[in-house]
C-alpha atoms as a PDB file:
ATOM      1  CA  MET A   1       5.677 -14.756   0.569  1.00  0.00           C
ATOM      2  CA  ILE A   2       3.941 -11.751  -1.678  1.00  0.00           C
ATOM      3  CA  SER A   3       3.861  -8.444   0.592  1.00  0.00           C
ATOM      4  CA  TRP A   4       2.668  -6.546  -2.559  1.00  0.00           C
ATOM      5  CA  LEU A   5       2.078  -5.887  -5.989  1.00  0.00           C
ATOM      6  CA  ALA A   6       1.768  -3.187  -8.920  1.00  0.00           C
ATOM      7  CA  TYR A   7       0.826  -2.900 -12.612  1.00  0.00           C
ATOM      8  CA  ASP A   8       2.905  -1.734 -15.523  1.00  0.00           C
ATOM      9  CA  SER A   9      -0.234  -1.128 -17.756  1.00  0.00           C
ATOM     10  CA  GLN A  10       2.194   0.480 -20.674  1.00  0.00           C
ATOM     11  CA  HIS A  11       4.802  -2.663 -20.318  1.00  0.00           C
ATOM     12  CA  LYS A  12       2.121  -5.282 -19.221  1.00  0.00           C
ATOM     13  CA  VAL A  13       4.551  -6.105 -16.484  1.00  0.00           C
ATOM     14  CA  ILE A  14       3.340  -7.437 -12.934  1.00  0.00           C
ATOM     15  CA  TRP A  15       5.792  -6.149 -10.090  1.00  0.00           C
ATOM     16  CA  LEU A  16       6.148  -8.287  -6.649  1.00  0.00           C
ATOM     17  CA  ILE A  17       7.619  -7.358  -3.674  1.00  0.00           C
ATOM     18  CA  GLN A  18       8.078 -10.641  -1.552  1.00  0.00           C
ATOM     19  CA  ARG A  19      10.010 -11.927   1.569  1.00  0.00           C
ATOM     20  CA  GLY A  20      11.822 -14.754   2.178  1.00  0.00           C
ATOM     21  CA  ALA A  21      15.324 -15.764   1.090  1.00  0.00           C
ATOM     22  CA  LYS A  22      14.735 -17.848  -1.712  1.00  0.00           C
ATOM     23  CA  ALA A  23      14.020 -15.069  -4.205  1.00  0.00           C
ATOM     24  CA  ASP A  24      15.012 -11.654  -4.774  1.00  0.00           C
ATOM     25  CA  PRO A  25      12.599  -9.126  -2.714  1.00  0.00           C
ATOM     26  CA  ILE A  26      11.739  -7.320  -6.099  1.00  0.00           C
ATOM     27  CA  ILE A  27      10.600  -9.298  -9.192  1.00  0.00           C
ATOM     28  CA  ALA A  28       9.229  -8.616 -12.469  1.00  0.00           C
ATOM     29  CA  VAL A  29       6.672 -10.925 -13.911  1.00  0.00           C
ATOM     30  CA  ASP A  30       4.466 -10.999 -17.235  1.00  0.00           C
ATOM     31  CA  ILE A  31       0.747 -11.179 -17.233  1.00  0.00           C
ATOM     32  CA  GLN A  32       1.530 -15.217 -17.861  1.00  0.00           C
ATOM     33  CA  GLY A  33       3.312 -15.279 -14.492  1.00  0.00           C
ATOM     34  CA  HIS A  34       7.059 -15.754 -16.168  1.00  0.00           C
ATOM     35  CA  VAL A  35      10.158 -14.093 -14.466  1.00  0.00           C
ATOM     36  CA  LEU A  36      11.703 -11.398 -16.094  1.00  0.00           C
ATOM     37  CA  HIS A  37      14.074 -10.577 -13.798  1.00  0.00           C
ATOM     38  CA  SER A  38      14.689  -9.791 -10.353  1.00  0.00           C
ATOM     39  CA  PHE A  39      16.911  -7.343  -7.845  1.00  0.00           C
ATOM     40  CA  GLY A  40      17.168  -5.797  -4.362  1.00  0.00           C
ATOM     41  CA  LYS A  41      18.818  -9.356  -2.149  1.00  0.00           C
ATOM     42  CA  GLY A  42      20.384  -6.996   0.797  1.00  0.00           C
ATOM     43  CA  LEU A  43      18.710  -4.052   0.695  1.00  0.00           C
ATOM     44  CA  PHE A  44      15.547  -5.150   2.676  1.00  0.00           C
ATOM     45  CA  ARG A  45      14.683  -6.126   6.318  1.00  0.00           C
ATOM     46  CA  THR A  46      10.684  -6.508   5.810  1.00  0.00           C
ATOM     47  CA  PRO A  47       9.757  -5.937   2.667  1.00  0.00           C
ATOM     48  CA  HIS A  48       6.119  -3.993   2.625  1.00  0.00           C
ATOM     49  CA  SER A  49       4.773  -2.229  -0.469  1.00  0.00           C
ATOM     50  CA  ILE A  50       5.709  -1.511  -3.876  1.00  0.00           C
ATOM     51  CA  ARG A  51       4.713   1.301  -6.366  1.00  0.00           C
ATOM     52  CA  LEU A  52       4.964   3.061  -9.871  1.00  0.00           C
ATOM     53  CA  GLY A  53       6.061   6.449  -9.390  1.00  0.00           C
ATOM     54  CA  PRO A  54       4.757   8.656 -12.410  1.00  0.00           C
ATOM     55  CA  ASN A  55       7.575   8.274 -14.135  1.00  0.00           C
ATOM     56  CA  GLY A  56       7.514   4.217 -14.152  1.00  0.00           C
ATOM     57  CA  ASN A  57      10.284   4.035 -11.684  1.00  0.00           C
ATOM     58  CA  VAL A  58       9.599   1.493  -9.093  1.00  0.00           C
ATOM     59  CA  TRP A  59       9.510   2.763  -5.484  1.00  0.00           C
ATOM     60  CA  THR A  60       9.720   0.409  -2.348  1.00  0.00           C
ATOM     61  CA  VAL A  61       8.677   0.599   0.919  1.00  0.00           C
ATOM     62  CA  ASP A  62      10.374  -1.683   3.768  1.00  0.00           C
ATOM     63  CA  ALA A  63       8.343  -1.915   7.341  1.00  0.00           C
ATOM     64  CA  GLY A  64      11.703  -3.351   8.880  1.00  0.00           C
ATOM     65  CA  ASN A  65      13.791   0.235   8.822  1.00  0.00           C
ATOM     66  CA  SER A  66      11.235   2.576   7.520  1.00  0.00           C
ATOM     67  CA  GLY A  67      13.506   2.734   4.432  1.00  0.00           C
ATOM     68  CA  ILE A  68      12.298   3.998   1.352  1.00  0.00           C
ATOM     69  CA  ILE A  69      14.095   3.288  -2.301  1.00  0.00           C
ATOM     70  CA  GLU A  70      13.168   4.320  -5.530  1.00  0.00           C
ATOM     71  CA  PHE A  71      14.913   1.639  -8.428  1.00  0.00           C
ATOM     72  CA  SER A  72      14.959   1.992 -12.349  1.00  0.00           C
ATOM     73  CA  PRO A  73      12.481  -0.794 -14.061  1.00  0.00           C
ATOM     74  CA  ARG A  74      15.989  -2.137 -14.731  1.00  0.00           C
ATOM     75  CA  GLY A  75      16.869  -2.375 -10.932  1.00  0.00           C
ATOM     76  CA  LYS A  76      19.382   0.506 -10.904  1.00  0.00           C
ATOM     77  CA  GLU A  77      18.901   1.804  -7.128  1.00  0.00           C
ATOM     78  CA  LEU A  78      18.150   5.415  -8.066  1.00  0.00           C
ATOM     79  CA  ARG A  79      17.734   7.139  -4.212  1.00  0.00           C
ATOM     80  CA  HIS A  80      17.792   5.693  -0.553  1.00  0.00           C
ATOM     81  CA  PHE A  81      16.537   7.104   2.476  1.00  0.00           C
ATOM     82  CA  HIS A  82      14.766   6.380   5.745  1.00  0.00           C
ATOM     83  CA  LEU A  83      12.065   8.596   7.727  1.00  0.00           C
ATOM     84  CA  SER A  84      12.866  11.284   9.863  1.00  0.00           C
ATOM     85  CA  GLU A  85      12.406  10.164  13.889  1.00  0.00           C
ATOM     86  CA  PRO A  86      11.220   6.513  13.368  1.00  0.00           C
ATOM     87  CA  THR A  87      10.298   4.823  16.612  1.00  0.00           C
ATOM     88  CA  LYS A  88      10.901   1.571  17.567  1.00  0.00           C
ATOM     89  CA  SER A  89       8.069  -0.874  17.420  1.00  0.00           C
ATOM     90  CA  PRO A  90       7.534  -3.353  20.030  1.00  0.00           C
ATOM     91  CA  ASP A  91       7.630  -6.164  16.878  1.00  0.00           C
ATOM     92  CA  ASP A  92      11.319  -6.069  15.896  1.00  0.00           C
ATOM     93  CA  ASN A  93      10.635  -6.888  12.381  1.00  0.00           C
ATOM     94  CA  PHE A  94       7.866  -3.911  11.810  1.00  0.00           C
ATOM     95  CA  LEU A  95       9.617  -0.522  12.423  1.00  0.00           C
ATOM     96  CA  GLY A  96       7.234   1.635  10.674  1.00  0.00           C
ATOM     97  CA  ALA A  97       6.803   2.846   7.071  1.00  0.00           C
ATOM     98  CA  THR A  98       3.807   0.759   5.235  1.00  0.00           C
ATOM     99  CA  ASP A  99       3.262   2.007   2.000  1.00  0.00           C
ATOM    100  CA  ILE A 100       3.612   5.659  -0.640  1.00  0.00           C
ATOM    101  CA  ALA A 101       1.456   7.380  -2.604  1.00  0.00           C
ATOM    102  CA  PHE A 102       2.154  10.261  -5.474  1.00  0.00           C
ATOM    103  CA  ALA A 103       0.798  13.822  -4.893  1.00  0.00           C
ATOM    104  CA  PRO A 104       1.159  16.926  -7.610  1.00  0.00           C
ATOM    105  CA  ASN A 105       4.497  18.873  -7.954  1.00  0.00           C
ATOM    106  CA  GLY A 106       6.730  15.773  -7.298  1.00  0.00           C
ATOM    107  CA  ARG A 107       5.631  15.456  -3.226  1.00  0.00           C
ATOM    108  CA  ILE A 108       5.234  11.665  -2.607  1.00  0.00           C
ATOM    109  CA  LEU A 109       3.292  10.779   1.146  1.00  0.00           C
ATOM    110  CA  ILE A 110       4.371   8.077   3.022  1.00  0.00           C
ATOM    111  CA  SER A 111       1.973   6.098   5.563  1.00  0.00           C
ATOM    112  CA  ASP A 112       3.751   5.117   8.596  1.00  0.00           C
ATOM    113  CA  GLY A 113       1.817   2.975  11.296  1.00  0.00           C
ATOM    114  CA  TYR A 114       3.450   0.022  12.590  1.00  0.00           C
ATOM    115  CA  SER A 115       5.346   1.910  15.168  1.00  0.00           C
ATOM    116  CA  ASN A 116       3.617   5.726  14.661  1.00  0.00           C
ATOM    117  CA  ALA A 117       0.442   6.845  13.554  1.00  0.00           C
ATOM    118  CA  ARG A 118       1.294   9.248  10.854  1.00  0.00           C
ATOM    119  CA  VAL A 119       1.096  10.283   7.397  1.00  0.00           C
ATOM    120  CA  LEU A 120       4.530  12.076   6.341  1.00  0.00           C
ATOM    121  CA  GLU A 121       5.515  14.496   3.233  1.00  0.00           C
ATOM    122  CA  TYR A 122       8.495  14.049   1.443  1.00  0.00           C
ATOM    123  CA  THR A 123       9.962  15.778  -2.059  1.00  0.00           C
ATOM    124  CA  ASP A 124      11.114  13.021  -4.071  1.00  0.00           C
ATOM    125  CA  HIS A 125      14.629  13.575  -3.396  1.00  0.00           C
ATOM    126  CA  GLY A 126      13.569  12.618   0.010  1.00  0.00           C
ATOM    127  CA  ARG A 127      13.552  15.805   1.887  1.00  0.00           C
ATOM    128  CA  PRO A 128      10.850  15.962   4.433  1.00  0.00           C
ATOM    129  CA  ILE A 129       8.423  18.464   4.378  1.00  0.00           C
ATOM    130  CA  THR A 130       5.457  17.893   7.106  1.00  0.00           C
ATOM    131  CA  GLU A 131       3.474  15.383   8.940  1.00  0.00           C
ATOM    132  CA  TRP A 132       0.315  14.643  10.213  1.00  0.00           C
ATOM    133  CA  GLY A 133      -1.974  12.344  12.239  1.00  0.00           C
ATOM    134  CA  ALA A 134      -1.782  10.841  15.795  1.00  0.00           C
ATOM    135  CA  ALA A 135      -2.579   7.816  17.475  1.00  0.00           C
ATOM    136  CA  GLY A 136      -6.491   6.792  18.542  1.00  0.00           C
ATOM    137  CA  SER A 137      -9.772   6.698  16.995  1.00  0.00           C
ATOM    138  CA  GLY A 138     -11.274   9.916  16.090  1.00  0.00           C
ATOM    139  CA  SER A 139     -10.928  12.012  13.301  1.00  0.00           C
ATOM    140  CA  GLY A 140      -7.430  12.345  11.681  1.00  0.00           C
ATOM    141  CA  GLN A 141      -6.110   9.806  14.156  1.00  0.00           C
ATOM    142  CA  PHE A 142      -5.059   6.404  13.438  1.00  0.00           C
ATOM    143  CA  HIS A 143      -4.206   2.724  14.445  1.00  0.00           C
ATOM    144  CA  LEU A 144      -1.864   0.968  12.116  1.00  0.00           C
ATOM    145  CA  PRO A 145      -1.966   3.477   8.843  1.00  0.00           C
ATOM    146  CA  HIS A 146      -1.226   0.829   6.345  1.00  0.00           C
ATOM    147  CA  ALA A 147      -1.818   2.129   2.782  1.00  0.00           C
ATOM    148  CA  ILE A 148      -2.048   5.534   1.363  1.00  0.00           C
ATOM    149  CA  ILE A 149      -3.648   6.421  -2.443  1.00  0.00           C
ATOM    150  CA  VAL A 150      -4.192   9.964  -4.163  1.00  0.00           C
ATOM    151  CA  ASP A 151      -6.920  10.188  -6.596  1.00  0.00           C
ATOM    152  CA  ARG A 152      -7.233  13.151  -9.302  1.00  0.00           C
ATOM    153  CA  SER A 153      -9.133  15.339  -7.152  1.00  0.00           C
ATOM    154  CA  ASN A 154      -6.280  15.134  -4.759  1.00  0.00           C
ATOM    155  CA  VAL A 155      -8.217  13.663  -2.175  1.00  0.00           C
ATOM    156  CA  VAL A 156      -5.988  11.372   0.094  1.00  0.00           C
ATOM    157  CA  TYR A 157      -7.407   7.747   1.141  1.00  0.00           C
ATOM    158  CA  VAL A 158      -5.622   6.263   4.157  1.00  0.00           C
ATOM    159  CA  ALA A 159      -6.353   2.439   5.364  1.00  0.00           C
ATOM    160  CA  ASP A 160      -6.709   2.953   8.991  1.00  0.00           C
ATOM    161  CA  ARG A 161      -6.221  -0.687   9.893  1.00  0.00           C
ATOM    162  CA  GLU A 162      -7.056  -1.590  12.933  1.00  0.00           C
ATOM    163  CA  ASN A 163      -9.727   0.966  13.678  1.00  0.00           C
ATOM    164  CA  GLY A 164     -11.456  -1.052  10.522  1.00  0.00           C
ATOM    165  CA  ARG A 165     -11.774   2.416   8.232  1.00  0.00           C
ATOM    166  CA  ILE A 166     -10.827   4.514   5.332  1.00  0.00           C
ATOM    167  CA  GLU A 167     -10.096   8.237   6.356  1.00  0.00           C
ATOM    168  CA  LYS A 168     -10.311  10.614   3.793  1.00  0.00           C
ATOM    169  CA  PHE A 169      -7.909  14.330   3.825  1.00  0.00           C
ATOM    170  CA  ASP A 170      -6.764  16.948   1.207  1.00  0.00           C
ATOM    171  CA  LEU A 171      -3.461  17.237   0.353  1.00  0.00           C
ATOM    172  CA  ALA A 172      -2.698  19.238   3.214  1.00  0.00           C
ATOM    173  CA  GLY A 173      -3.586  16.678   5.926  1.00  0.00           C
ATOM    174  CA  HIS A 174      -7.355  18.394   6.580  1.00  0.00           C
ATOM    175  CA  TYR A 175      -9.928  15.803   7.723  1.00  0.00           C
ATOM    176  CA  LEU A 176     -12.608  15.329   4.895  1.00  0.00           C
ATOM    177  CA  GLY A 177     -14.490  12.331   6.432  1.00  0.00           C
ATOM    178  CA  GLU A 178     -14.744   8.530   6.298  1.00  0.00           C
ATOM    179  CA  ILE A 179     -15.796   4.928   5.155  1.00  0.00           C
ATOM    180  CA  ASP A 180     -16.117   3.556   8.843  1.00  0.00           C
ATOM    181  CA  GLY A 181     -17.815   0.253   9.661  1.00  0.00           C
ATOM    182  CA  LEU A 182     -15.352  -1.863   8.064  1.00  0.00           C
ATOM    183  CA  GLY A 183     -13.398  -4.554   8.388  1.00  0.00           C
ATOM    184  CA  ARG A 184      -9.509  -4.938   9.158  1.00  0.00           C
ATOM    185  CA  VAL A 185      -8.444  -3.000   6.074  1.00  0.00           C
ATOM    186  CA  TYR A 186      -5.105  -3.721   4.383  1.00  0.00           C
ATOM    187  CA  SER A 187      -4.982  -2.256   0.684  1.00  0.00           C
ATOM    188  CA  LEU A 188      -6.654   0.341  -1.283  1.00  0.00           C
ATOM    189  CA  ALA A 189      -7.052   1.140  -5.310  1.00  0.00           C
ATOM    190  CA  LEU A 190      -8.816   3.375  -7.328  1.00  0.00           C
ATOM    191  CA  GLY A 191     -11.464   1.955  -9.835  1.00  0.00           C
ATOM    192  CA  GLU A 192     -13.223   3.637 -12.915  1.00  0.00           C
ATOM    193  CA  HIS A 193     -16.173   6.360 -12.367  1.00  0.00           C
ATOM    194  CA  GLY A 194     -15.688   7.298  -8.532  1.00  0.00           C
ATOM    195  CA  THR A 195     -14.740   3.751  -6.930  1.00  0.00           C
ATOM    196  CA  LEU A 196     -12.605   2.656  -4.307  1.00  0.00           C
ATOM    197  CA  TRP A 197     -11.490  -0.861  -4.065  1.00  0.00           C
ATOM    198  CA  ALA A 198      -9.951  -2.734  -0.544  1.00  0.00           C
ATOM    199  CA  THR A 199      -9.018  -5.770   0.909  1.00  0.00           C
ATOM    200  CA  MET A 200     -10.200  -6.473   4.296  1.00  0.00           C
ATOM    201  CA  SER A 201     -11.026  -9.362   6.981  1.00  0.00           C
ATOM    202  CA  PRO A 202     -13.001  -9.211  10.416  1.00  0.00           C
ATOM    203  CA  LEU A 203     -11.448  -7.342  12.927  1.00  0.00           C
ATOM    204  CA  ASN A 204     -11.991 -10.152  15.300  1.00  0.00           C
ATOM    205  CA  VAL A 205      -9.611 -12.846  13.578  1.00  0.00           C
ATOM    206  CA  PRO A 206      -6.205 -12.535  13.222  1.00  0.00           C
ATOM    207  CA  PRO A 207      -4.921 -10.694   9.921  1.00  0.00           C
ATOM    208  CA  GLY A 208      -4.247 -12.512   6.918  1.00  0.00           C
ATOM    209  CA  SER A 209      -7.389 -14.613   7.668  1.00  0.00           C
ATOM    210  CA  PRO A 210     -10.154 -14.895   4.883  1.00  0.00           C
ATOM    211  CA  GLY A 211     -11.852 -11.585   4.087  1.00  0.00           C
ATOM    212  CA  TRP A 212     -13.583  -9.964   1.037  1.00  0.00           C
ATOM    213  CA  VAL A 213     -12.278  -7.856  -1.552  1.00  0.00           C
ATOM    214  CA  VAL A 214     -14.870  -4.717  -1.770  1.00  0.00           C
ATOM    215  CA  LYS A 215     -16.042  -2.303  -4.110  1.00  0.00           C
ATOM    216  CA  MET A 216     -17.353   1.307  -3.192  1.00  0.00           C
ATOM    217  CA  GLU A 217     -18.418   4.526  -3.913  1.00  0.00           C
ATOM    218  CA  ARG A 218     -15.322   6.954  -3.153  1.00  0.00           C
ATOM    219  CA  GLY A 219     -17.958  10.083  -2.246  1.00  0.00           C
ATOM    220  CA  SER A 220     -20.630   8.443  -0.517  1.00  0.00           C
ATOM    221  CA  GLY A 221     -18.837   5.225   0.814  1.00  0.00           C
ATOM    222  CA  LYS A 222     -21.687   2.999  -0.435  1.00  0.00           C
ATOM    223  CA  ILE A 223     -20.802  -0.895  -0.902  1.00  0.00           C
ATOM    224  CA  LEU A 224     -21.380  -1.385  -4.237  1.00  0.00           C
ATOM    225  CA  GLY A 225     -20.116  -5.042  -4.332  1.00  0.00           C
ATOM    226  CA  TYR A 226     -17.623  -8.083  -2.453  1.00  0.00           C
ATOM    227  CA  VAL A 227     -15.868 -10.864  -3.663  1.00  0.00           C
ATOM    228  CA  PRO A 228     -15.257 -13.339  -0.515  1.00  0.00           C
ATOM    229  CA  VAL A 229     -11.689 -14.526  -0.318  1.00  0.00           C
ATOM    230  CA  THR A 230     -11.374 -18.315   1.816  1.00  0.00           C
ATOM    231  CA  ASP A 231      -7.789 -19.351   1.535  1.00  0.00           C
ATOM    232  CA  THR A 232      -4.861 -18.003   3.888  1.00  0.00           C
ATOM    233  CA  PRO A 233      -2.812 -15.943   4.107  1.00  0.00           C
ATOM    234  CA  ALA A 234      -4.511 -13.024   1.994  1.00  0.00           C
ATOM    235  CA  LEU A 235      -5.626  -9.710   1.188  1.00  0.00           C
ATOM    236  CA  HIS A 236      -2.161  -8.019   1.744  1.00  0.00           C
ATOM    237  CA  CYS A 237      -2.335  -6.418  -1.393  1.00  0.00           C
ATOM    238  CA  LEU A 238      -4.877  -5.144  -3.915  1.00  0.00           C
ATOM    239  CA  GLU A 239      -4.119  -3.674  -7.857  1.00  0.00           C
ATOM    240  CA  VAL A 240      -6.383  -2.317 -10.489  1.00  0.00           C
ATOM    241  CA  VAL A 241      -5.866  -3.610 -13.878  1.00  0.00           C
ATOM    242  CA  ASN A 242      -7.385  -1.804 -17.019  1.00  0.00           C
ATOM    243  CA  GLY A 243      -9.972  -0.169 -14.972  1.00  0.00           C
ATOM    244  CA  ASN A 244     -12.027  -3.686 -13.976  1.00  0.00           C
ATOM    245  CA  GLN A 245      -9.613  -6.345 -13.340  1.00  0.00           C
ATOM    246  CA  LEU A 246      -8.133  -7.207  -9.788  1.00  0.00           C
ATOM    247  CA  MET A 247      -4.912  -8.806  -8.438  1.00  0.00           C
ATOM    248  CA  THR A 248      -4.754  -9.686  -4.819  1.00  0.00           C
ATOM    249  CA  ASP A 249      -2.336 -12.503  -2.944  1.00  0.00           C
ATOM    250  CA  VAL A 250      -4.014 -15.367  -1.971  1.00  0.00           C
ATOM    251  CA  ASP A 251      -1.666 -18.298  -0.519  1.00  0.00           C
ATOM    252  CA  ASN A 252       1.826 -16.531  -1.618  1.00  0.00           C
ATOM    253  CA  GLU A 253       0.447 -16.612  -5.151  1.00  0.00           C
ATOM    254  CA  VAL A 254      -1.563 -13.634  -7.306  1.00  0.00           C
ATOM    255  CA  LEU A 255      -4.998 -14.213  -7.908  1.00  0.00           C
ATOM    256  CA  TRP A 256      -6.760 -12.443 -10.369  1.00  0.00           C
ATOM    257  CA  PHE A 257     -10.844 -11.464 -10.410  1.00  0.00           C
ATOM    258  CA  LYS A 258     -12.583 -10.641 -14.231  1.00  0.00           C
END
């Protein structure tokens, strides 16, 4: 099962992180889908998300043990740490961490959603700095923060999955507003010209059900367009390629929108 993907525009490589014993958790493929190499076996409990850091290294998040691992593009393990004070989830497969984003001066932000309701800030060496957020549906609160990204204006966007919204913060965790009235929001990606992309499905159906890829204005939250996705399981991850092409997961495959 493909859990997340990331695109290296410089080398035209698609990075996948997947759950399943028949293949390595991390797989690099070219844009035709040919496997280039893979690695990571034995290092993960529940692979969840994958992102490319500012220096091109591969960062992964393990939702099963709240582990963060940085790899070189060739698969060398460079850094491995776990979130501070993890809390056991009722679902033994998911301990906490969901996604990672990169802020200025080497800082990293991590959404910790399956057993907590918070965002944590770490140095790129794995030293904890601060955290913010609490469980609930009020401003600055979360019910399963599932994805996190930072734009060039240093606005932090968090997919508050089970509250059906996207919340906005500054880098210090101060609440800036939200885009609400959405479905269950799984993933986020930045588009061109102040746009924001998200994948979502209705809140009243099980996760992985049919839903939409949605394009919005970052500032106002205005819906600019959407594409329905009817296959399942789907929509757990999203990547924007070259500013106007999209990739998401559908039925354990990568689906392109051009």
